[in-house]
C-alpha cells in the first residue's frame, strides 16, 4: 500500500468555485502564484459539470489548457466518469505501531465489522492509516470523524481533514497523527466507536460502527 499523493490537490478560494492548485507535498507539482497571476482566471472544478466536461472547456485557449494539464495531468482518464459526483471507497484501515507489524483491517462490504474488530495495548503509541480510492470526479474536503464510547459514555471525539483528491486508478493513503492509548485498570475493557468519511458537501461515503478492546497486552 504505497502512498500516492501525485494527484492530491488542495483547494483555494471559496466553496462556490475558486482556483485549485496542487498540494505542496512530495511527488506533487505546485502551481505557483506567478502562474495564477498570469492566467488571471477562475476555473470551477466543482460538481456543476463532469470532469470530462471541465477538461473540454476552453480547449482552444492554450494558456488555460496548459494550466489544466498541469493541475490534472496525472488524472487517469479511465477513472473519470460522466458522473457529476465523485466516488470515494475506503478500502482498509491499518494500525501502525513501532516494533510491530501493521494490523491491516479490510473494510467489510456491509460497512460494519462483526464482533470485536481489533485490540490495542494500554499505554501504547500508535497511528491509523486509511487506504482509499477516488473515481469519477474531484472530491473536495474529505474529512474523517470518529466518536468513541465506553459503557454508554462518550470518551473521545476526533475530526481530521484528509484533503482534496483527483480521481485516479491508484489508491491514496492518509496517516493520522500519533496517539497514545489510555492505561490503567479503568482504561481497560471494550469500547464502541463510529467513524464517518464525508466531504465539503456533507456527502457520506462511509459510516462504520465497530467495537475494540484495550488490554494489558497485544493479542
N, C-alpha and C. Protein backbone atom coordinates (compact mmCIF):
# COMPACT_ATOMS: atom_id res chain seq x y z
N UNK A 1 0.85 -1.19 0.00
CA UNK A 1 0.00 0.00 0.00
C UNK A 1 0.89 1.24 0.00
N UNK A 2 1.56 1.46 -1.08
CA UNK A 2 2.43 2.63 -1.15
C UNK A 2 1.61 3.88 -1.26
N UNK A 3 2.05 4.92 -0.56
CA UNK A 3 1.30 6.18 -0.57
C UNK A 3 1.45 6.85 -1.91
N UNK A 4 0.34 7.36 -2.43
CA UNK A 4 0.37 8.02 -3.73
C UNK A 4 -0.28 9.36 -3.58
N UNK A 5 0.52 10.44 -3.62
CA UNK A 5 -0.03 11.78 -3.44
C UNK A 5 0.09 12.59 -4.73
N UNK A 6 0.42 11.93 -5.84
CA UNK A 6 0.71 12.65 -7.06
C UNK A 6 -0.44 13.46 -7.58
N UNK A 7 -1.69 12.99 -7.34
CA UNK A 7 -2.84 13.70 -7.87
C UNK A 7 -3.63 14.37 -6.77
N UNK A 8 -3.01 14.55 -5.62
CA UNK A 8 -3.66 15.19 -4.47
C UNK A 8 -3.61 16.69 -4.70
N UNK A 9 -4.77 17.33 -4.76
CA UNK A 9 -4.82 18.76 -4.98
C UNK A 9 -5.46 19.43 -3.79
N UNK A 10 -5.03 20.65 -3.48
CA UNK A 10 -5.65 21.39 -2.39
C UNK A 10 -6.43 22.55 -2.95
N UNK A 11 -7.48 22.94 -2.21
CA UNK A 11 -8.42 23.92 -2.72
C UNK A 11 -8.14 25.29 -2.14
N UNK A 12 -8.24 26.33 -2.98
CA UNK A 12 -8.19 27.70 -2.51
C UNK A 12 -9.38 28.44 -3.09
N UNK A 13 -9.69 29.63 -2.53
CA UNK A 13 -10.88 30.33 -2.98
C UNK A 13 -12.06 29.88 -2.16
N UNK A 14 -13.26 30.30 -2.55
CA UNK A 14 -14.42 29.94 -1.74
C UNK A 14 -15.04 28.66 -2.25
N UNK A 15 -16.08 28.17 -1.52
CA UNK A 15 -16.68 26.90 -1.84
C UNK A 15 -17.43 26.92 -3.15
N UNK A 16 -17.73 28.07 -3.66
CA UNK A 16 -18.50 28.15 -4.91
C UNK A 16 -17.64 27.97 -6.12
N UNK A 17 -16.33 27.82 -5.92
CA UNK A 17 -15.52 27.52 -7.09
C UNK A 17 -14.37 28.47 -7.24
N UNK A 18 -13.34 28.36 -6.41
CA UNK A 18 -12.15 29.17 -6.59
C UNK A 18 -11.13 28.40 -7.40
N UNK A 19 -9.94 28.98 -7.52
CA UNK A 19 -8.88 28.29 -8.22
C UNK A 19 -8.45 27.08 -7.42
N UNK A 20 -7.91 26.08 -8.12
CA UNK A 20 -7.36 24.91 -7.47
C UNK A 20 -5.89 24.84 -7.79
N UNK A 21 -5.07 24.47 -6.80
CA UNK A 21 -3.66 24.29 -7.05
C UNK A 21 -3.22 22.99 -6.43
N UNK A 22 -2.13 22.41 -6.91
CA UNK A 22 -1.65 21.16 -6.37
C UNK A 22 -1.16 21.34 -4.95
N UNK A 23 -1.38 20.32 -4.15
CA UNK A 23 -0.90 20.32 -2.77
C UNK A 23 0.61 20.24 -2.76
N UNK A 24 1.28 21.09 -1.98
CA UNK A 24 2.73 21.08 -1.90
C UNK A 24 3.18 19.91 -1.06
N UNK A 25 3.41 18.77 -1.69
CA UNK A 25 3.86 17.60 -0.98
C UNK A 25 4.81 16.82 -1.86
N UNK A 26 5.52 15.86 -1.27
CA UNK A 26 6.48 15.07 -2.03
C UNK A 26 5.78 14.38 -3.18
N UNK A 27 6.36 14.50 -4.38
CA UNK A 27 5.80 13.85 -5.55
C UNK A 27 4.74 14.66 -6.25
N UNK A 28 4.44 15.87 -5.77
CA UNK A 28 3.43 16.70 -6.42
C UNK A 28 4.07 17.93 -7.03
N UNK A 29 3.37 18.54 -7.98
CA UNK A 29 3.85 19.74 -8.64
C UNK A 29 2.90 20.86 -8.31
N UNK A 30 3.40 21.94 -7.74
CA UNK A 30 2.54 23.04 -7.30
C UNK A 30 2.43 24.07 -8.40
N UNK A 31 1.20 24.61 -8.56
CA UNK A 31 1.01 25.75 -9.44
C UNK A 31 1.45 26.99 -8.68
N UNK A 32 2.37 27.75 -9.22
CA UNK A 32 2.93 28.88 -8.50
C UNK A 32 2.01 30.08 -8.56
N UNK A 33 2.27 31.06 -7.66
CA UNK A 33 1.46 32.27 -7.65
C UNK A 33 1.61 33.02 -8.96
N UNK A 34 2.83 33.01 -9.53
CA UNK A 34 3.06 33.70 -10.79
C UNK A 34 2.18 33.12 -11.89
N UNK A 35 2.06 31.80 -11.91
CA UNK A 35 1.23 31.16 -12.93
C UNK A 35 -0.23 31.55 -12.74
N UNK A 36 -0.67 31.60 -11.48
CA UNK A 36 -2.05 32.01 -11.23
C UNK A 36 -2.29 33.43 -11.70
N UNK A 37 -1.31 34.33 -11.44
CA UNK A 37 -1.48 35.72 -11.84
C UNK A 37 -1.46 35.87 -13.36
N UNK A 38 -0.60 35.09 -14.02
CA UNK A 38 -0.53 35.17 -15.48
C UNK A 38 -1.84 34.75 -16.11
N UNK A 39 -2.45 33.72 -15.53
CA UNK A 39 -3.70 33.26 -16.10
C UNK A 39 -4.84 34.22 -15.81
N UNK A 40 -4.86 34.72 -14.56
CA UNK A 40 -5.90 35.67 -14.18
C UNK A 40 -7.30 35.13 -14.40
N UNK A 41 -7.46 33.83 -14.18
CA UNK A 41 -8.74 33.21 -14.49
C UNK A 41 -9.23 32.44 -13.27
N UNK A 42 -10.51 32.13 -13.29
CA UNK A 42 -11.13 31.34 -12.24
C UNK A 42 -11.73 30.12 -12.89
N UNK A 43 -11.31 28.92 -12.47
CA UNK A 43 -11.88 27.70 -13.03
C UNK A 43 -12.63 26.96 -11.94
N UNK A 44 -13.84 26.56 -12.22
CA UNK A 44 -14.66 25.84 -11.26
C UNK A 44 -14.57 24.36 -11.57
N UNK A 45 -13.95 23.59 -10.67
CA UNK A 45 -13.87 22.16 -10.85
C UNK A 45 -14.82 21.45 -9.89
N UNK A 46 -15.91 22.12 -9.55
CA UNK A 46 -16.88 21.57 -8.63
C UNK A 46 -17.88 20.66 -9.32
N UNK A 47 -18.98 20.35 -8.65
CA UNK A 47 -19.92 19.36 -9.15
C UNK A 47 -20.88 19.87 -10.21
N UNK A 48 -20.70 21.14 -10.69
CA UNK A 48 -21.64 21.66 -11.68
C UNK A 48 -21.57 20.91 -13.00
N UNK A 49 -20.42 20.32 -13.32
CA UNK A 49 -20.30 19.52 -14.52
C UNK A 49 -19.26 18.44 -14.30
N UNK A 50 -19.24 17.47 -15.19
CA UNK A 50 -18.32 16.36 -15.02
C UNK A 50 -16.89 16.81 -15.28
N UNK A 51 -15.95 16.00 -14.81
CA UNK A 51 -14.54 16.34 -15.01
C UNK A 51 -14.17 16.31 -16.48
N UNK A 52 -14.76 15.39 -17.23
CA UNK A 52 -14.50 15.35 -18.67
C UNK A 52 -14.96 16.65 -19.33
N UNK A 53 -16.11 17.15 -18.91
CA UNK A 53 -16.60 18.41 -19.46
C UNK A 53 -15.68 19.56 -19.09
N UNK A 54 -15.15 19.53 -17.86
CA UNK A 54 -14.21 20.57 -17.46
C UNK A 54 -12.97 20.56 -18.34
N UNK A 55 -12.49 19.36 -18.65
CA UNK A 55 -11.29 19.25 -19.47
C UNK A 55 -11.53 19.71 -20.90
N UNK A 56 -12.79 19.62 -21.35
CA UNK A 56 -13.12 20.05 -22.70
C UNK A 56 -13.35 21.55 -22.80
N UNK A 57 -13.63 22.19 -21.66
CA UNK A 57 -13.91 23.63 -21.67
C UNK A 57 -12.69 24.41 -22.12
N UNK A 58 -12.91 25.44 -22.92
CA UNK A 58 -11.85 26.37 -23.32
C UNK A 58 -10.64 25.65 -23.90
N UNK A 59 -10.87 24.55 -24.62
CA UNK A 59 -9.74 23.78 -25.12
C UNK A 59 -8.96 24.54 -26.19
N UNK A 60 -9.56 25.59 -26.75
CA UNK A 60 -8.85 26.40 -27.75
C UNK A 60 -8.00 27.49 -27.11
N UNK A 61 -8.13 27.67 -25.79
CA UNK A 61 -7.33 28.64 -25.06
C UNK A 61 -6.06 27.93 -24.58
N UNK A 62 -4.94 28.22 -25.25
CA UNK A 62 -3.71 27.48 -25.00
C UNK A 62 -3.21 27.62 -23.56
N UNK A 63 -3.24 28.85 -23.01
CA UNK A 63 -2.71 29.05 -21.67
C UNK A 63 -3.56 28.33 -20.63
N UNK A 64 -4.89 28.39 -20.80
CA UNK A 64 -5.76 27.71 -19.85
C UNK A 64 -5.64 26.19 -20.00
N UNK A 65 -5.47 25.72 -21.22
CA UNK A 65 -5.30 24.28 -21.44
C UNK A 65 -4.04 23.76 -20.75
N UNK A 66 -2.94 24.54 -20.86
CA UNK A 66 -1.69 24.11 -20.22
C UNK A 66 -1.85 24.07 -18.71
N UNK A 67 -2.58 25.06 -18.17
CA UNK A 67 -2.78 25.10 -16.72
C UNK A 67 -3.59 23.89 -16.25
N UNK A 68 -4.64 23.54 -17.00
CA UNK A 68 -5.43 22.37 -16.65
C UNK A 68 -4.59 21.10 -16.72
N UNK A 69 -3.73 21.02 -17.72
CA UNK A 69 -2.87 19.85 -17.84
C UNK A 69 -1.91 19.75 -16.66
N UNK A 70 -1.43 20.91 -16.19
CA UNK A 70 -0.53 20.90 -15.04
C UNK A 70 -1.29 20.49 -13.79
N UNK A 71 -2.52 20.98 -13.65
CA UNK A 71 -3.33 20.67 -12.48
C UNK A 71 -3.81 19.24 -12.48
N UNK A 72 -4.24 18.74 -13.64
CA UNK A 72 -4.90 17.44 -13.72
C UNK A 72 -4.18 16.46 -14.63
N UNK A 73 -2.92 16.75 -14.92
CA UNK A 73 -2.20 15.93 -15.88
C UNK A 73 -2.02 14.49 -15.45
N UNK A 74 -2.05 14.22 -14.12
CA UNK A 74 -1.87 12.85 -13.64
C UNK A 74 -3.17 12.09 -13.55
N UNK A 75 -4.29 12.72 -13.88
CA UNK A 75 -5.57 12.03 -13.78
C UNK A 75 -5.65 10.92 -14.83
N UNK A 76 -5.98 9.72 -14.38
CA UNK A 76 -6.19 8.59 -15.28
C UNK A 76 -7.59 8.72 -15.86
N UNK A 77 -7.68 8.95 -17.16
CA UNK A 77 -8.98 9.17 -17.78
C UNK A 77 -9.89 7.95 -17.68
N UNK A 78 -9.29 6.76 -17.44
CA UNK A 78 -10.11 5.58 -17.23
C UNK A 78 -10.86 5.63 -15.90
N UNK A 79 -10.38 6.50 -14.99
CA UNK A 79 -11.03 6.64 -13.68
C UNK A 79 -12.05 7.78 -13.68
N UNK A 80 -12.15 8.49 -14.79
CA UNK A 80 -13.05 9.64 -14.88
C UNK A 80 -14.34 9.20 -15.55
N UNK A 81 -15.45 9.38 -14.87
CA UNK A 81 -16.73 9.00 -15.42
C UNK A 81 -17.53 10.21 -15.88
N UNK A 82 -18.78 9.96 -16.24
CA UNK A 82 -19.68 11.03 -16.66
C UNK A 82 -20.50 11.54 -15.49
N UNK A 83 -20.22 11.03 -14.29
CA UNK A 83 -20.98 11.42 -13.11
C UNK A 83 -20.55 12.80 -12.63
N UNK A 84 -21.53 13.57 -12.11
CA UNK A 84 -21.21 14.85 -11.50
C UNK A 84 -20.57 14.67 -10.14
N UNK A 85 -20.84 13.55 -9.50
CA UNK A 85 -20.38 13.33 -8.12
C UNK A 85 -19.16 12.42 -8.09
N UNK A 86 -18.22 12.71 -7.22
CA UNK A 86 -17.09 11.80 -7.04
C UNK A 86 -17.53 10.54 -6.32
N UNK A 87 -16.74 9.50 -6.45
CA UNK A 87 -16.95 8.28 -5.68
C UNK A 87 -15.69 8.01 -4.87
N UNK A 88 -15.86 7.83 -3.58
CA UNK A 88 -14.74 7.54 -2.69
C UNK A 88 -15.03 6.21 -2.00
N UNK A 89 -14.09 5.28 -2.14
CA UNK A 89 -14.24 3.97 -1.49
C UNK A 89 -13.10 3.79 -0.49
N UNK A 90 -13.46 3.67 0.78
CA UNK A 90 -12.48 3.41 1.82
C UNK A 90 -12.19 1.91 1.81
N UNK A 91 -10.94 1.54 1.55
CA UNK A 91 -10.60 0.13 1.35
C UNK A 91 -10.13 -0.56 2.62
N UNK A 92 -9.33 0.12 3.43
CA UNK A 92 -8.81 -0.55 4.62
C UNK A 92 -8.35 0.47 5.65
N UNK A 93 -8.22 -0.02 6.88
CA UNK A 93 -7.66 0.72 7.99
C UNK A 93 -6.46 -0.06 8.49
N UNK A 94 -5.33 0.61 8.71
CA UNK A 94 -4.15 -0.03 9.27
C UNK A 94 -3.77 0.64 10.58
N UNK A 95 -3.40 -0.16 11.56
CA UNK A 95 -2.93 0.34 12.85
C UNK A 95 -1.42 0.14 12.87
N UNK A 96 -0.68 1.25 12.95
CA UNK A 96 0.77 1.22 12.86
C UNK A 96 1.38 1.50 14.24
N UNK A 97 2.24 0.59 14.69
CA UNK A 97 2.91 0.73 15.97
C UNK A 97 4.38 0.36 15.79
N UNK A 98 5.27 1.16 16.34
CA UNK A 98 6.70 0.91 16.20
C UNK A 98 7.06 -0.46 16.79
N UNK A 99 7.86 -1.21 16.03
CA UNK A 99 8.32 -2.51 16.50
C UNK A 99 7.36 -3.65 16.28
N UNK A 100 6.22 -3.37 15.64
CA UNK A 100 5.23 -4.42 15.36
C UNK A 100 4.78 -4.32 13.92
N UNK A 101 4.36 -5.45 13.35
CA UNK A 101 3.78 -5.42 12.02
C UNK A 101 2.46 -4.66 12.05
N UNK A 102 2.17 -3.95 10.95
CA UNK A 102 0.90 -3.23 10.87
C UNK A 102 -0.27 -4.20 10.98
N UNK A 103 -1.30 -3.78 11.69
CA UNK A 103 -2.56 -4.53 11.72
C UNK A 103 -3.43 -3.95 10.62
N UNK A 104 -3.64 -4.71 9.55
CA UNK A 104 -4.41 -4.23 8.40
C UNK A 104 -5.82 -4.81 8.49
N UNK A 105 -6.80 -3.91 8.51
CA UNK A 105 -8.20 -4.30 8.68
C UNK A 105 -8.99 -3.90 7.44
N UNK A 106 -9.31 -4.84 6.54
CA UNK A 106 -10.15 -4.51 5.39
C UNK A 106 -11.53 -4.04 5.84
N UNK A 107 -12.11 -3.10 5.09
CA UNK A 107 -13.46 -2.63 5.40
C UNK A 107 -14.47 -3.65 4.87
N UNK A 108 -15.33 -4.20 5.72
CA UNK A 108 -16.33 -5.18 5.23
C UNK A 108 -17.28 -4.53 4.22
N UNK A 109 -17.78 -5.35 3.31
CA UNK A 109 -18.72 -4.85 2.31
C UNK A 109 -19.95 -4.24 2.97
N UNK A 110 -20.37 -4.82 4.09
CA UNK A 110 -21.55 -4.31 4.80
C UNK A 110 -21.26 -2.98 5.49
N UNK A 111 -19.96 -2.67 5.68
CA UNK A 111 -19.56 -1.43 6.34
C UNK A 111 -19.33 -1.60 7.82
N UNK A 112 -19.93 -2.62 8.44
CA UNK A 112 -19.81 -2.80 9.89
C UNK A 112 -19.19 -4.16 10.21
N UNK A 113 -18.01 -4.17 10.83
CA UNK A 113 -17.40 -5.45 11.21
C UNK A 113 -18.25 -6.16 12.26
N UNK A 114 -18.23 -7.48 12.22
CA UNK A 114 -18.96 -8.27 13.21
C UNK A 114 -18.03 -8.61 14.37
N UNK A 115 -18.52 -8.45 15.57
CA UNK A 115 -17.73 -8.80 16.74
C UNK A 115 -16.60 -7.80 16.99
N UNK A 116 -15.65 -8.21 17.81
CA UNK A 116 -14.51 -7.37 18.16
C UNK A 116 -13.63 -7.17 16.94
N UNK A 117 -13.32 -5.91 16.59
CA UNK A 117 -12.58 -5.64 15.35
C UNK A 117 -11.07 -5.69 15.57
N UNK A 118 -10.59 -5.12 16.68
CA UNK A 118 -9.16 -5.15 16.97
C UNK A 118 -8.94 -4.89 18.45
N UNK A 119 -7.69 -5.11 18.90
CA UNK A 119 -7.30 -4.87 20.28
C UNK A 119 -6.06 -4.00 20.32
N UNK A 120 -6.04 -3.03 21.23
CA UNK A 120 -4.89 -2.17 21.45
C UNK A 120 -4.31 -2.43 22.84
N UNK A 121 -3.01 -2.29 22.95
CA UNK A 121 -2.36 -2.43 24.25
C UNK A 121 -2.43 -1.10 24.98
N UNK A 122 -2.73 -1.15 26.27
CA UNK A 122 -2.80 0.08 27.06
C UNK A 122 -1.44 0.79 27.08
N UNK A 123 -1.50 2.12 27.04
CA UNK A 123 -0.28 2.92 27.10
C UNK A 123 0.61 2.82 25.88
N UNK A 124 0.09 2.30 24.76
CA UNK A 124 0.91 2.14 23.55
C UNK A 124 0.71 3.32 22.61
N UNK A 125 1.76 3.63 21.86
CA UNK A 125 1.71 4.70 20.87
C UNK A 125 1.42 4.08 19.51
N UNK A 126 0.46 4.67 18.80
CA UNK A 126 0.05 4.10 17.52
C UNK A 126 -0.48 5.22 16.63
N UNK A 127 -0.64 4.91 15.35
CA UNK A 127 -1.36 5.83 14.45
C UNK A 127 -2.17 5.00 13.48
N UNK A 128 -3.21 5.60 12.95
CA UNK A 128 -4.09 4.96 11.98
C UNK A 128 -3.73 5.41 10.58
N UNK A 129 -3.84 4.51 9.62
CA UNK A 129 -3.62 4.87 8.22
C UNK A 129 -4.78 4.31 7.39
N UNK A 130 -5.41 5.19 6.60
CA UNK A 130 -6.50 4.78 5.74
C UNK A 130 -5.99 4.62 4.31
N UNK A 131 -6.52 3.62 3.62
CA UNK A 131 -6.27 3.45 2.19
C UNK A 131 -7.61 3.60 1.48
N UNK A 132 -7.64 4.46 0.45
CA UNK A 132 -8.91 4.72 -0.23
C UNK A 132 -8.68 5.02 -1.70
N UNK A 133 -9.76 4.98 -2.45
CA UNK A 133 -9.70 5.23 -3.89
C UNK A 133 -10.74 6.26 -4.29
N UNK A 134 -10.37 7.13 -5.23
CA UNK A 134 -11.26 8.19 -5.71
C UNK A 134 -11.48 7.98 -7.20
N UNK A 135 -12.73 8.06 -7.64
CA UNK A 135 -13.04 7.93 -9.06
C UNK A 135 -14.12 8.92 -9.46
N UNK A 136 -14.28 9.09 -10.78
CA UNK A 136 -15.32 9.91 -11.43
C UNK A 136 -15.06 11.42 -11.41
N UNK A 137 -14.77 11.98 -10.24
CA UNK A 137 -14.61 13.44 -10.18
C UNK A 137 -13.75 13.78 -8.96
N UNK A 138 -13.38 15.05 -8.85
CA UNK A 138 -12.60 15.51 -7.71
C UNK A 138 -13.46 15.49 -6.45
N UNK A 139 -12.91 14.95 -5.36
CA UNK A 139 -13.59 15.03 -4.06
C UNK A 139 -12.94 16.17 -3.28
N UNK A 140 -13.78 17.07 -2.80
CA UNK A 140 -13.29 18.28 -2.13
C UNK A 140 -13.51 18.19 -0.63
N UNK A 141 -12.43 18.40 0.13
CA UNK A 141 -12.53 18.47 1.58
C UNK A 141 -12.97 17.18 2.24
N UNK A 142 -12.35 16.07 1.88
CA UNK A 142 -12.68 14.80 2.52
C UNK A 142 -12.26 14.85 3.98
N UNK A 143 -13.20 14.49 4.88
CA UNK A 143 -12.95 14.57 6.32
C UNK A 143 -13.25 13.24 7.00
N UNK A 144 -12.54 13.00 8.10
CA UNK A 144 -12.75 11.79 8.92
C UNK A 144 -13.18 12.24 10.31
N UNK A 145 -14.25 11.65 10.82
CA UNK A 145 -14.67 11.89 12.20
C UNK A 145 -14.80 10.56 12.90
N UNK A 146 -14.49 10.56 14.19
CA UNK A 146 -14.57 9.32 14.97
C UNK A 146 -15.03 9.65 16.39
N UNK A 147 -16.01 8.91 16.86
CA UNK A 147 -16.53 9.07 18.22
C UNK A 147 -16.44 7.73 18.93
N UNK A 148 -15.98 7.77 20.19
CA UNK A 148 -15.76 6.54 20.96
C UNK A 148 -16.58 6.61 22.26
N UNK A 149 -17.21 5.48 22.61
CA UNK A 149 -17.98 5.37 23.84
C UNK A 149 -17.48 4.17 24.66
N UNK A 150 -17.61 4.29 25.99
CA UNK A 150 -17.38 3.15 26.88
C UNK A 150 -18.50 3.13 27.90
N UNK A 151 -19.14 1.99 28.01
CA UNK A 151 -20.31 1.81 28.89
C UNK A 151 -21.33 2.93 28.68
N UNK A 152 -21.54 3.29 27.42
CA UNK A 152 -22.56 4.28 27.08
C UNK A 152 -22.15 5.73 27.21
N UNK A 153 -20.94 6.01 27.69
CA UNK A 153 -20.48 7.39 27.87
C UNK A 153 -19.46 7.74 26.80
N UNK A 154 -19.60 8.91 26.19
CA UNK A 154 -18.63 9.33 25.18
C UNK A 154 -17.32 9.68 25.85
N UNK A 155 -16.24 9.05 25.38
CA UNK A 155 -14.93 9.27 25.99
C UNK A 155 -13.93 9.93 25.05
N UNK A 156 -14.25 10.00 23.75
CA UNK A 156 -13.31 10.61 22.81
C UNK A 156 -14.03 11.00 21.54
N UNK A 157 -13.57 12.10 20.93
CA UNK A 157 -14.12 12.55 19.66
C UNK A 157 -12.99 13.16 18.83
N UNK A 158 -12.88 12.73 17.57
CA UNK A 158 -11.79 13.16 16.69
C UNK A 158 -12.35 13.64 15.36
N UNK A 159 -11.76 14.71 14.82
CA UNK A 159 -12.09 15.17 13.48
C UNK A 159 -10.79 15.49 12.76
N UNK A 160 -10.61 14.98 11.55
CA UNK A 160 -9.38 15.16 10.79
C UNK A 160 -9.71 15.51 9.33
N UNK A 161 -9.14 16.62 8.83
CA UNK A 161 -9.26 16.94 7.42
C UNK A 161 -8.25 16.11 6.64
N UNK A 162 -8.74 15.30 5.71
CA UNK A 162 -7.85 14.46 4.91
C UNK A 162 -7.36 15.21 3.68
N UNK A 163 -8.27 15.89 2.95
CA UNK A 163 -7.83 16.72 1.84
C UNK A 163 -8.74 16.62 0.63
N UNK A 164 -8.27 17.19 -0.48
CA UNK A 164 -8.97 17.21 -1.76
C UNK A 164 -8.18 16.37 -2.75
N UNK A 165 -8.87 15.48 -3.47
CA UNK A 165 -8.17 14.50 -4.29
C UNK A 165 -8.79 14.38 -5.68
N UNK A 166 -7.92 14.18 -6.67
CA UNK A 166 -8.35 13.91 -8.03
C UNK A 166 -8.62 12.42 -8.21
N UNK A 167 -9.47 12.05 -9.17
CA UNK A 167 -9.70 10.63 -9.43
C UNK A 167 -8.48 10.00 -10.09
N UNK A 168 -8.19 8.77 -9.72
CA UNK A 168 -7.08 8.04 -10.33
C UNK A 168 -7.24 6.56 -10.02
N UNK A 169 -6.56 5.72 -10.81
CA UNK A 169 -6.66 4.28 -10.62
C UNK A 169 -5.92 3.83 -9.37
N UNK A 170 -4.80 4.50 -9.04
CA UNK A 170 -4.03 4.11 -7.87
C UNK A 170 -4.74 4.55 -6.59
N UNK A 171 -4.44 3.85 -5.51
CA UNK A 171 -5.03 4.20 -4.22
C UNK A 171 -4.26 5.33 -3.55
N UNK A 172 -4.95 6.03 -2.68
CA UNK A 172 -4.34 7.03 -1.80
C UNK A 172 -4.22 6.44 -0.40
N UNK A 173 -3.30 6.99 0.39
CA UNK A 173 -3.26 6.67 1.81
C UNK A 173 -3.18 7.97 2.60
N UNK A 174 -3.71 7.93 3.82
CA UNK A 174 -3.62 9.08 4.72
C UNK A 174 -3.31 8.56 6.12
N UNK A 175 -2.25 9.09 6.72
CA UNK A 175 -1.84 8.67 8.05
C UNK A 175 -2.24 9.72 9.08
N UNK A 176 -2.91 9.28 10.12
CA UNK A 176 -3.36 10.16 11.18
C UNK A 176 -2.20 10.48 12.13
N UNK A 177 -2.31 11.58 12.90
CA UNK A 177 -1.29 11.87 13.91
C UNK A 177 -1.21 10.75 14.95
N UNK A 178 -0.03 10.60 15.53
CA UNK A 178 0.18 9.55 16.52
C UNK A 178 -0.63 9.82 17.79
N UNK A 179 -1.15 8.74 18.37
CA UNK A 179 -1.91 8.83 19.61
C UNK A 179 -1.36 7.82 20.61
N UNK A 180 -1.76 7.95 21.87
CA UNK A 180 -1.38 7.00 22.91
C UNK A 180 -2.64 6.49 23.58
N UNK A 181 -2.76 5.18 23.68
CA UNK A 181 -3.94 4.61 24.34
C UNK A 181 -3.87 4.89 25.84
N UNK A 182 -5.02 5.07 26.47
CA UNK A 182 -5.01 5.26 27.93
C UNK A 182 -4.55 3.98 28.62
N UNK A 183 -4.15 4.10 29.87
CA UNK A 183 -3.68 2.93 30.61
C UNK A 183 -4.28 2.92 32.00
N UNK A 184 -4.18 1.78 32.64
CA UNK A 184 -4.74 1.64 33.98
C UNK A 184 -5.96 0.75 33.98
N UNK A 185 -6.36 0.35 35.16
CA UNK A 185 -7.47 -0.58 35.32
C UNK A 185 -8.75 -0.06 34.68
N UNK A 186 -9.05 1.22 34.85
CA UNK A 186 -10.31 1.76 34.34
C UNK A 186 -10.28 2.01 32.84
N UNK A 187 -9.09 2.02 32.25
CA UNK A 187 -8.98 2.22 30.80
C UNK A 187 -9.21 0.92 30.04
N UNK A 188 -8.96 -0.20 30.69
CA UNK A 188 -9.11 -1.48 30.01
C UNK A 188 -10.58 -1.82 29.83
N UNK A 189 -10.84 -2.59 28.77
CA UNK A 189 -12.22 -3.01 28.53
C UNK A 189 -12.60 -2.85 27.08
N UNK A 190 -13.89 -2.94 26.82
CA UNK A 190 -14.43 -2.89 25.46
C UNK A 190 -15.03 -1.52 25.19
N UNK A 191 -14.74 -1.00 24.00
CA UNK A 191 -15.23 0.31 23.57
C UNK A 191 -16.04 0.12 22.29
N UNK A 192 -16.99 1.02 22.06
CA UNK A 192 -17.71 1.08 20.79
C UNK A 192 -17.35 2.39 20.11
N UNK A 193 -17.36 2.38 18.78
CA UNK A 193 -16.95 3.57 18.03
C UNK A 193 -17.74 3.69 16.73
N UNK A 194 -17.82 4.92 16.26
CA UNK A 194 -18.45 5.19 14.97
C UNK A 194 -17.53 6.13 14.18
N UNK A 195 -17.13 5.71 12.99
CA UNK A 195 -16.29 6.53 12.12
C UNK A 195 -17.07 6.91 10.87
N UNK A 196 -16.85 8.15 10.39
CA UNK A 196 -17.52 8.63 9.18
C UNK A 196 -16.51 9.31 8.28
N UNK A 197 -16.75 9.20 6.97
CA UNK A 197 -15.98 9.92 5.97
C UNK A 197 -16.96 10.74 5.14
N UNK A 198 -16.82 12.07 5.18
CA UNK A 198 -17.72 12.97 4.46
C UNK A 198 -16.89 14.02 3.73
N UNK A 199 -17.51 14.71 2.76
CA UNK A 199 -16.81 15.77 2.04
C UNK A 199 -17.40 17.14 2.40
N UNK A 200 -16.96 18.17 1.67
CA UNK A 200 -17.41 19.54 1.96
C UNK A 200 -18.91 19.71 1.82
N UNK A 201 -19.54 18.88 0.99
CA UNK A 201 -20.99 18.95 0.80
C UNK A 201 -21.73 18.04 1.76
N UNK A 202 -21.01 17.51 2.76
CA UNK A 202 -21.58 16.57 3.73
C UNK A 202 -22.10 15.29 3.09
N UNK A 203 -21.54 14.94 1.93
CA UNK A 203 -21.87 13.65 1.32
C UNK A 203 -21.14 12.56 2.10
N UNK A 204 -21.89 11.57 2.56
CA UNK A 204 -21.34 10.50 3.38
C UNK A 204 -20.85 9.36 2.48
N UNK A 205 -19.57 9.02 2.60
CA UNK A 205 -19.01 7.92 1.81
C UNK A 205 -18.91 6.62 2.59
N UNK A 206 -18.76 6.73 3.89
CA UNK A 206 -18.72 5.53 4.72
C UNK A 206 -19.06 5.90 6.15
N UNK A 207 -19.94 5.10 6.75
CA UNK A 207 -20.16 5.14 8.20
C UNK A 207 -19.94 3.73 8.71
N UNK A 208 -19.03 3.58 9.65
CA UNK A 208 -18.68 2.26 10.14
C UNK A 208 -18.79 2.23 11.66
N UNK A 209 -19.51 1.25 12.18
CA UNK A 209 -19.70 1.08 13.62
C UNK A 209 -18.98 -0.20 14.03
N UNK A 210 -18.19 -0.12 15.10
CA UNK A 210 -17.38 -1.27 15.47
C UNK A 210 -17.06 -1.23 16.96
N UNK A 211 -16.50 -2.34 17.47
CA UNK A 211 -16.04 -2.42 18.84
C UNK A 211 -14.57 -2.81 18.85
N UNK A 212 -13.86 -2.36 19.88
CA UNK A 212 -12.47 -2.75 20.06
C UNK A 212 -12.16 -2.82 21.55
N UNK A 213 -11.06 -3.49 21.88
CA UNK A 213 -10.66 -3.65 23.27
C UNK A 213 -9.35 -2.91 23.54
N UNK A 214 -9.19 -2.44 24.76
CA UNK A 214 -7.89 -2.02 25.28
C UNK A 214 -7.54 -3.00 26.39
N UNK A 215 -6.37 -3.67 26.25
CA UNK A 215 -5.98 -4.71 27.21
C UNK A 215 -4.55 -4.44 27.70
N UNK A 216 -4.10 -5.28 28.63
CA UNK A 216 -2.76 -5.13 29.20
C UNK A 216 -1.67 -5.39 28.17
N UNK A 217 -2.00 -6.20 27.14
CA UNK A 217 -1.01 -6.53 26.12
C UNK A 217 -1.70 -6.77 24.79
N UNK A 218 -0.90 -6.79 23.74
CA UNK A 218 -1.41 -7.11 22.42
C UNK A 218 -1.85 -8.57 22.37
N UNK A 219 -2.79 -8.86 21.54
CA UNK A 219 -3.20 -10.26 21.36
C UNK A 219 -2.14 -10.99 20.55
